[in-house]
């Protein structure tokens, strides 16, 4: 820990004490936490971002859509609207935020809604769409006014919460002891080839959470897709240089993947949910055009692509090949079977208890 962070420790202590007291009030019932008549699955984390919540929400949607009438409810981080809003074909990133817009475009048949107050959002969904019988909350671990039936907590392989610190020293939104509220914990972004020794290390470190359900997932990157109209449909072969434009919380796993796909990786990194402006794009284009390479492309993430739809930005990128890289969550074989079993057991028991 550097000297600057040491100076921030008193602030972290005050922040942690306030969050701890808030959680105590919920635990004692002094602050109300409400459950609902339909099963609610929450996907969240202890940190401010970077654990891969959206791919895991998408995994659940893909797993359960067709068996249930699914709705996804998110806060809609950095949107320019407020209150309850349902995604439609005309929705933009300013209406919903990047992640809900991505979810809506990937799963246009399910209901995607945003509301900074999750309890109000759930009430509105159930009132306006009475056929909905399953709600998935995106990034709601700290939103304790809702009591989910199943609480899934994510932590990232490259930066697990047990190596992190409370804000503002680190990126934890609450003390590490908060992990005990989870019904299951998923270590995300593990290597696709995951060694038994690595697994045992994490299981030992997480033993203090007193959780029976711990799973390990990885990111499965797909084929590049064109982002701009003049970009060729097919992913180029023998790429030498990739210019990565991204505003995500943690790009380590993505960088490791791209190093296997090119010889040179040039980074244009911005903070999570960064709203790109022409200055950012001009800097990228200038760098791209001044670099000599027999095969070079600009690449961004699926989430970042939502924030690059602006006409001005598209025009600036019009003369260079720009792709985005889709990603899906995968579970290691034994974990996948156990995870599916846990989800289906929860849903079956919820249904039985409602009879």
Protein backbone atom coordinates (compact mmCIF):
# COMPACT_ATOMS: atom_id res chain seq x y z
CA UNK A 1 0.00 0.00 0.00
CA UNK A 2 1.49 3.36 -1.03
CA UNK A 3 1.78 6.43 1.21
CA UNK A 4 -1.20 8.19 -0.38
CA UNK A 5 -3.44 5.25 0.42
CA UNK A 6 -2.16 5.18 3.99
CA UNK A 7 -3.30 8.77 4.38
CA UNK A 8 -6.79 7.73 3.28
CA UNK A 9 -7.11 4.94 5.86
CA UNK A 10 -9.03 7.10 8.38
CA UNK A 11 -11.63 7.88 5.71
CA UNK A 12 -11.89 4.18 4.87
CA UNK A 13 -12.44 3.42 8.56
CA UNK A 14 -15.25 5.99 8.83
CA UNK A 15 -16.84 4.78 5.60
CA UNK A 16 -16.60 1.13 6.69
CA UNK A 17 -18.15 1.91 10.08
CA UNK A 18 -21.09 3.68 8.43
CA UNK A 19 -21.73 0.78 6.05
CA UNK A 20 -21.36 -1.76 8.86
CA UNK A 21 -23.92 0.14 10.95
CA UNK A 22 -26.33 0.29 8.00
CA UNK A 23 -26.06 -3.48 7.55
CA UNK A 24 -26.69 -4.02 11.26
CA UNK A 25 -29.89 -1.96 11.00
CA UNK A 26 -31.07 -4.21 8.14
CA UNK A 27 -30.07 -7.37 10.01
CA UNK A 28 -32.05 -6.27 13.08
CA UNK A 29 -35.07 -5.24 11.03
CA UNK A 30 -34.71 -1.56 11.93
CA UNK A 31 -34.54 -0.87 8.20
CA UNK A 32 -37.12 -2.76 6.11
CA UNK A 33 -36.10 -5.40 3.58
CA UNK A 34 -38.95 -6.72 1.45
CA UNK A 35 -39.38 -10.00 -0.41
CA UNK A 36 -41.79 -10.46 -3.33
CA UNK A 37 -44.30 -12.92 -4.73
CA UNK A 38 -41.99 -13.97 -7.58
CA UNK A 39 -38.45 -15.36 -7.29
CA UNK A 40 -35.79 -12.64 -7.29
CA UNK A 41 -32.15 -13.46 -8.07
CA UNK A 42 -29.58 -10.78 -7.27
CA UNK A 43 -26.18 -10.63 -8.97
CA UNK A 44 -23.69 -8.28 -7.33
CA UNK A 45 -20.28 -7.77 -5.82
CA UNK A 46 -18.46 -6.07 -2.96
CA UNK A 47 -16.34 -3.85 -5.20
CA UNK A 48 -17.24 -0.91 -7.43
CA UNK A 49 -17.01 -2.95 -10.64
CA UNK A 50 -14.97 -5.20 -12.86
CA UNK A 51 -16.22 -8.61 -11.77
CA UNK A 52 -18.26 -9.40 -14.89
CA UNK A 53 -21.79 -8.99 -13.54
CA UNK A 54 -23.43 -8.39 -16.92
CA UNK A 55 -22.11 -11.59 -18.59
CA UNK A 56 -23.35 -13.56 -15.58
CA UNK A 57 -26.78 -11.93 -15.74
CA UNK A 58 -26.84 -12.79 -19.45
CA UNK A 59 -25.88 -16.37 -18.58
CA UNK A 60 -28.87 -16.62 -16.24
CA UNK A 61 -31.17 -15.10 -18.86
CA UNK A 62 -29.99 -17.58 -21.48
CA UNK A 63 -30.43 -20.43 -19.02
CA UNK A 64 -33.92 -19.49 -17.79
CA UNK A 65 -35.60 -17.69 -20.69
CA UNK A 66 -38.13 -20.04 -22.23
CA UNK A 67 -38.85 -21.65 -18.84
CA UNK A 68 -39.85 -18.37 -17.15
CA UNK A 69 -41.03 -14.92 -18.14
CA UNK A 70 -37.84 -13.13 -17.16
CA UNK A 71 -37.30 -9.46 -16.34
CA UNK A 72 -33.92 -7.86 -15.69
CA UNK A 73 -33.83 -4.79 -13.46
CA UNK A 74 -30.76 -2.56 -13.27
CA UNK A 75 -29.93 0.82 -11.82
CA UNK A 76 -28.91 2.10 -15.26
CA UNK A 77 -25.59 3.58 -14.17
CA UNK A 78 -24.71 6.94 -15.79
CA UNK A 79 -27.96 7.19 -17.72
CA UNK A 80 -29.38 10.68 -18.18
CA UNK A 81 -32.89 9.74 -17.08
CA UNK A 82 -34.33 9.06 -13.65
CA UNK A 83 -36.97 6.80 -12.19
CA UNK A 84 -38.52 3.68 -13.72
CA UNK A 85 -38.01 3.09 -17.44
CA UNK A 86 -38.53 0.05 -19.66
CA UNK A 87 -36.25 -0.57 -22.66
CA UNK A 88 -37.74 -0.40 -26.14
CA UNK A 89 -36.47 -0.41 -29.71
CA UNK A 90 -35.82 3.34 -29.60
CA UNK A 91 -33.89 3.33 -26.30
CA UNK A 92 -30.40 4.83 -26.25
CA UNK A 93 -27.46 4.62 -23.88
CA UNK A 94 -28.56 7.98 -22.43
CA UNK A 95 -31.96 6.48 -21.58
CA UNK A 96 -30.80 3.21 -20.01
CA UNK A 97 -27.05 3.16 -19.49
CA UNK A 98 -24.66 0.94 -21.43
CA UNK A 99 -25.22 -2.43 -19.74
CA UNK A 100 -29.06 -2.45 -19.81
CA UNK A 101 -28.96 -1.32 -23.46
CA UNK A 102 -26.58 -4.16 -24.27
CA UNK A 103 -28.89 -6.61 -22.48
CA UNK A 104 -31.94 -5.34 -24.37
CA UNK A 105 -30.25 -5.63 -27.76
CA UNK A 106 -28.94 -9.10 -27.02
CA UNK A 107 -32.26 -10.35 -25.60
CA UNK A 108 -34.96 -8.19 -27.24
CA UNK A 109 -37.79 -10.52 -26.16
CA UNK A 110 -37.22 -10.20 -22.43
CA UNK A 111 -38.20 -7.22 -20.29
CA UNK A 112 -35.27 -4.96 -19.37
CA UNK A 113 -36.00 -2.10 -16.97
CA UNK A 114 -34.01 0.45 -14.99
CA UNK A 115 -34.75 2.13 -11.69
CA UNK A 116 -32.32 3.49 -9.11
CA UNK A 117 -34.78 2.28 -6.44
CA UNK A 118 -34.94 -1.47 -6.92
CA UNK A 119 -37.99 -2.04 -4.69
CA UNK A 120 -40.00 0.52 -6.65
CA UNK A 121 -38.75 -1.00 -9.88
CA UNK A 122 -39.92 -4.48 -8.91
CA UNK A 123 -43.33 -3.18 -7.85
CA UNK A 124 -43.74 -1.41 -11.19
CA UNK A 125 -42.72 -4.51 -13.15
CA UNK A 126 -45.18 -6.74 -11.30
CA UNK A 127 -47.98 -4.17 -11.66
CA UNK A 128 -47.46 -3.35 -15.34
CA UNK A 129 -46.35 -6.81 -16.49
CA UNK A 130 -48.23 -9.38 -14.36
CA UNK A 131 -47.00 -12.28 -16.54
CA UNK A 132 -43.43 -11.77 -15.29
CA UNK A 133 -42.56 -14.63 -12.92
CA UNK A 134 -38.81 -14.21 -12.41
CA UNK A 135 -36.75 -11.07 -11.79
CA UNK A 136 -32.97 -10.82 -12.03
CA UNK A 137 -31.36 -7.84 -10.31
CA UNK A 138 -28.14 -6.55 -11.86
CA UNK A 139 -25.68 -5.10 -9.32
CA UNK A 140 -27.93 -5.15 -6.27
CA UNK A 141 -25.90 -6.74 -3.47
CA UNK A 142 -25.89 -3.48 -1.48
CA UNK A 143 -29.56 -2.66 -2.24
CA UNK A 144 -30.89 -4.25 0.89
CA UNK A 145 -34.37 -2.75 0.76
CA UNK A 146 -35.05 -5.76 -1.48
CA UNK A 147 -34.60 -9.22 0.01
CA UNK A 148 -33.76 -11.51 -2.92
CA UNK A 149 -34.55 -15.17 -2.77
CA UNK A 150 -31.07 -15.96 -4.07
CA UNK A 151 -28.08 -13.68 -3.56
CA UNK A 152 -25.15 -14.32 -5.95
CA UNK A 153 -21.89 -12.59 -5.08
CA UNK A 154 -19.10 -12.22 -7.65
CA UNK A 155 -15.39 -11.64 -7.07
CA UNK A 156 -12.71 -11.44 -9.72
CA UNK A 157 -9.83 -13.89 -10.06
CA UNK A 158 -7.23 -11.19 -10.74
CA UNK A 159 -8.44 -8.92 -7.92
CA UNK A 160 -10.47 -10.88 -5.35
CA UNK A 161 -12.13 -8.95 -2.54
CA UNK A 162 -9.85 -10.54 0.07
CA UNK A 163 -6.93 -8.63 -1.51
CA UNK A 164 -8.87 -5.38 -1.69
CA UNK A 165 -9.58 -2.49 0.68
CA UNK A 166 -12.54 -0.30 1.52
CA UNK A 167 -13.17 2.92 -0.35
CA UNK A 168 -11.41 5.29 -0.77
CA UNK A 169 -8.25 3.24 -0.16
CA UNK A 170 -9.43 0.41 -2.40
CA UNK A 171 -12.61 -0.31 -4.34
CA UNK A 172 -14.71 -2.23 -1.77
CA UNK A 173 -18.17 -0.80 -1.18
CA UNK A 174 -18.57 -2.62 2.12
CA UNK A 175 -16.45 -4.68 4.54
CA UNK A 176 -15.34 -8.14 3.45
CA UNK A 177 -17.60 -9.69 6.10
CA UNK A 178 -20.54 -8.69 3.88
CA UNK A 179 -19.76 -11.73 1.73
CA UNK A 180 -21.49 -13.90 4.35
CA UNK A 181 -24.86 -12.55 3.19
CA UNK A 182 -24.43 -14.33 -0.12
CA UNK A 183 -26.09 -17.64 -0.92
CA UNK A 184 -23.35 -18.43 -3.42
CA UNK A 185 -20.06 -16.92 -4.51
CA UNK A 186 -18.61 -17.01 -8.02
CA UNK A 187 -14.91 -16.41 -8.70
CA UNK A 188 -15.02 -14.86 -12.17
CA UNK A 189 -12.54 -14.40 -15.03
CA UNK A 190 -10.47 -17.43 -14.07
CA UNK A 191 -8.15 -18.89 -16.72
CA UNK A 192 -10.04 -21.27 -19.00
CA UNK A 193 -7.52 -23.94 -18.00
CA UNK A 194 -7.90 -23.71 -14.24
CA UNK A 195 -5.51 -25.67 -12.06
CA UNK A 196 -6.66 -27.65 -8.96
CA UNK A 197 -4.03 -25.80 -6.91
CA UNK A 198 -5.56 -22.45 -7.87
CA UNK A 199 -8.98 -23.76 -6.93
CA UNK A 200 -7.79 -24.94 -3.54
CA UNK A 201 -6.06 -21.62 -2.87
CA UNK A 202 -9.29 -19.69 -3.45
CA UNK A 203 -11.40 -22.15 -1.48
CA UNK A 204 -9.06 -21.78 1.49
CA UNK A 205 -9.06 -17.98 1.27
CA UNK A 206 -12.86 -17.90 1.01
CA UNK A 207 -13.48 -20.39 3.83
CA UNK A 208 -14.14 -17.52 6.28
CA UNK A 209 -17.24 -16.59 4.24
CA UNK A 210 -18.88 -19.80 5.49
CA UNK A 211 -20.49 -20.49 2.11
CA UNK A 212 -21.42 -23.94 0.83
CA UNK A 213 -21.75 -22.82 -2.77
CA UNK A 214 -18.56 -21.53 -4.41
CA UNK A 215 -18.18 -21.67 -8.20
CA UNK A 216 -15.51 -20.72 -10.73
CA UNK A 217 -16.28 -19.14 -14.09
CA UNK A 218 -14.33 -17.79 -17.04
CA UNK A 219 -14.97 -15.47 -19.97
CA UNK A 220 -15.49 -17.05 -23.36
CA UNK A 221 -14.59 -14.47 -26.02
CA UNK A 222 -16.31 -14.79 -29.38
CA UNK A 223 -15.65 -13.70 -32.95
CA UNK A 224 -15.10 -10.00 -33.55
CA UNK A 225 -18.08 -8.15 -35.00
CA UNK A 226 -18.03 -4.91 -37.06
CA UNK A 227 -19.05 -1.75 -35.22
CA UNK A 228 -18.99 0.78 -38.07
CA UNK A 229 -20.69 0.48 -41.49
CA UNK A 230 -17.45 0.45 -43.50
CA UNK A 231 -15.80 -2.26 -41.39
CA UNK A 232 -15.60 -5.68 -43.14
CA UNK A 233 -18.01 -8.29 -41.75
CA UNK A 234 -15.43 -11.03 -41.24
CA UNK A 235 -12.76 -10.91 -38.55
CA UNK A 236 -9.37 -10.29 -40.23
CA UNK A 237 -6.78 -13.06 -40.31
CA UNK A 238 -3.21 -12.63 -39.07
CA UNK A 239 -3.86 -9.41 -37.16
CA UNK A 240 -0.62 -7.70 -36.26
CA UNK A 241 -1.81 -4.65 -34.31
CA UNK A 242 -4.89 -4.12 -32.14
CA UNK A 243 -5.78 -0.69 -30.78
CA UNK A 244 -7.97 -1.41 -27.77
CA UNK A 245 -10.42 1.35 -26.90
CA UNK A 246 -12.17 0.62 -23.63
CA UNK A 247 -13.81 2.11 -20.57
CA UNK A 248 -14.32 -0.87 -18.26
CA UNK A 249 -13.34 -1.34 -14.62
CA UNK A 250 -10.79 -4.09 -15.18
CA UNK A 251 -9.38 -5.07 -18.58
CA UNK A 252 -6.71 -7.57 -17.44
CA UNK A 253 -8.57 -10.67 -18.68
CA UNK A 254 -9.36 -8.98 -21.99
CA UNK A 255 -5.75 -7.92 -22.49
CA UNK A 256 -4.55 -11.47 -21.85
CA UNK A 257 -6.99 -12.74 -24.49
CA UNK A 258 -5.97 -10.16 -27.09
CA UNK A 259 -2.28 -10.89 -26.66
CA UNK A 260 -3.03 -14.30 -28.14
CA UNK A 261 -4.70 -12.69 -31.19
CA UNK A 262 -2.09 -10.11 -32.24
CA UNK A 263 1.57 -9.15 -32.10
CA UNK A 264 1.11 -5.60 -30.82
CA UNK A 265 -1.53 -4.35 -28.39
CA UNK A 266 -1.96 -0.59 -28.01
CA UNK A 267 -4.09 0.57 -25.10
CA UNK A 268 -6.53 3.49 -25.03
CA UNK A 269 -8.02 2.93 -21.57
CA UNK A 270 -10.57 5.12 -19.79
CA UNK A 271 -12.51 4.80 -16.50
CA UNK A 272 -15.48 2.45 -16.21
CA UNK A 273 -18.59 3.66 -18.12
CA UNK A 274 -16.55 6.52 -19.62
CA UNK A 275 -18.61 8.64 -22.00
CA UNK A 276 -16.40 8.91 -25.08
CA UNK A 277 -16.00 12.35 -26.65
CA UNK A 278 -14.52 13.44 -30.00
CA UNK A 279 -11.17 14.27 -28.36
CA UNK A 280 -10.80 10.62 -27.28
CA UNK A 281 -11.58 9.34 -30.75
CA UNK A 282 -9.31 11.84 -32.52
CA UNK A 283 -6.43 10.73 -30.31
CA UNK A 284 -7.13 7.10 -31.20
CA UNK A 285 -7.45 7.77 -34.94
CA UNK A 286 -4.22 9.77 -34.99
CA UNK A 287 -2.39 6.95 -33.22
CA UNK A 288 -3.90 4.38 -35.58
CA UNK A 289 -3.01 6.29 -38.75
CA UNK A 290 0.57 7.00 -37.65
CA UNK A 291 1.33 3.34 -36.87
CA UNK A 292 2.78 1.24 -39.67
CA UNK A 293 1.33 -2.26 -39.67
CA UNK A 294 0.38 -4.76 -42.38
CA UNK A 295 -2.91 -5.57 -40.58
CA UNK A 296 -4.29 -3.28 -37.88
CA UNK A 297 -7.75 -2.78 -36.35
CA UNK A 298 -9.47 -0.90 -33.57
CA UNK A 299 -11.25 -3.11 -31.07
CA UNK A 300 -13.64 -2.32 -28.23
CA UNK A 301 -15.84 -4.28 -25.86
CA UNK A 302 -19.52 -5.02 -26.29
CA UNK A 303 -20.35 -2.67 -23.43
CA UNK A 304 -18.17 0.14 -24.78
CA UNK A 305 -19.78 -0.29 -28.19
CA UNK A 306 -23.06 0.94 -26.68
CA UNK A 307 -21.37 4.28 -25.90
CA UNK A 308 -19.87 4.61 -29.38
CA UNK A 309 -23.23 4.82 -31.19
CA UNK A 310 -23.17 8.61 -31.24
CA UNK A 311 -23.23 9.92 -34.83
CA UNK A 312 -20.28 12.27 -34.29
CA UNK A 313 -18.12 9.45 -32.94
CA UNK A 314 -19.20 7.11 -35.72
CA UNK A 315 -18.20 9.69 -38.33
CA UNK A 316 -14.75 10.06 -36.80
CA UNK A 317 -14.29 6.28 -36.92
CA UNK A 318 -15.75 5.86 -40.41
CA UNK A 319 -12.46 5.41 -42.29
CA UNK A 320 -10.81 2.79 -40.08
CA UNK A 321 -11.84 -0.82 -39.24
CA UNK A 322 -13.56 -0.92 -35.84
CA UNK A 323 -14.77 -4.17 -34.23
CA UNK A 324 -16.27 -5.14 -30.89
CA UNK A 325 -15.64 -8.42 -29.10
CA UNK A 326 -18.66 -10.31 -27.71
CA UNK A 327 -18.14 -12.25 -24.50
CA UNK A 328 -20.04 -14.95 -22.64
CA UNK A 329 -19.66 -16.53 -19.23
CA UNK A 330 -18.60 -20.14 -19.04
CA UNK A 331 -18.42 -22.36 -15.97
CA UNK A 332 -15.86 -25.08 -15.48
CA UNK A 333 -17.58 -28.44 -16.04
CA UNK A 334 -18.30 -29.54 -12.47
CA UNK A 335 -19.17 -25.98 -11.46
CA UNK A 336 -21.64 -25.62 -14.32
CA UNK A 337 -23.57 -28.73 -13.26
CA UNK A 338 -23.65 -27.64 -9.60
CA UNK A 339 -24.59 -24.07 -10.49
CA UNK A 340 -27.51 -25.13 -12.67
CA UNK A 341 -28.67 -27.54 -9.97
CA UNK A 342 -28.54 -24.79 -7.32
CA UNK A 343 -30.56 -22.37 -9.47
CA UNK A 344 -33.21 -24.92 -10.37
CA UNK A 345 -33.47 -26.15 -6.76
CA UNK A 346 -34.04 -22.58 -5.56
CA UNK A 347 -36.76 -22.00 -8.17
CA UNK A 348 -38.48 -25.30 -7.43
CA UNK A 349 -38.45 -24.70 -3.67
CA UNK A 350 -39.74 -21.15 -4.13
CA UNK A 351 -42.63 -22.49 -6.18
CA UNK A 352 -43.42 -25.19 -3.62
CA UNK A 353 -43.36 -22.70 -0.74
CA UNK A 354 -45.87 -20.50 -2.57
CA UNK A 355 -48.44 -23.33 -2.77
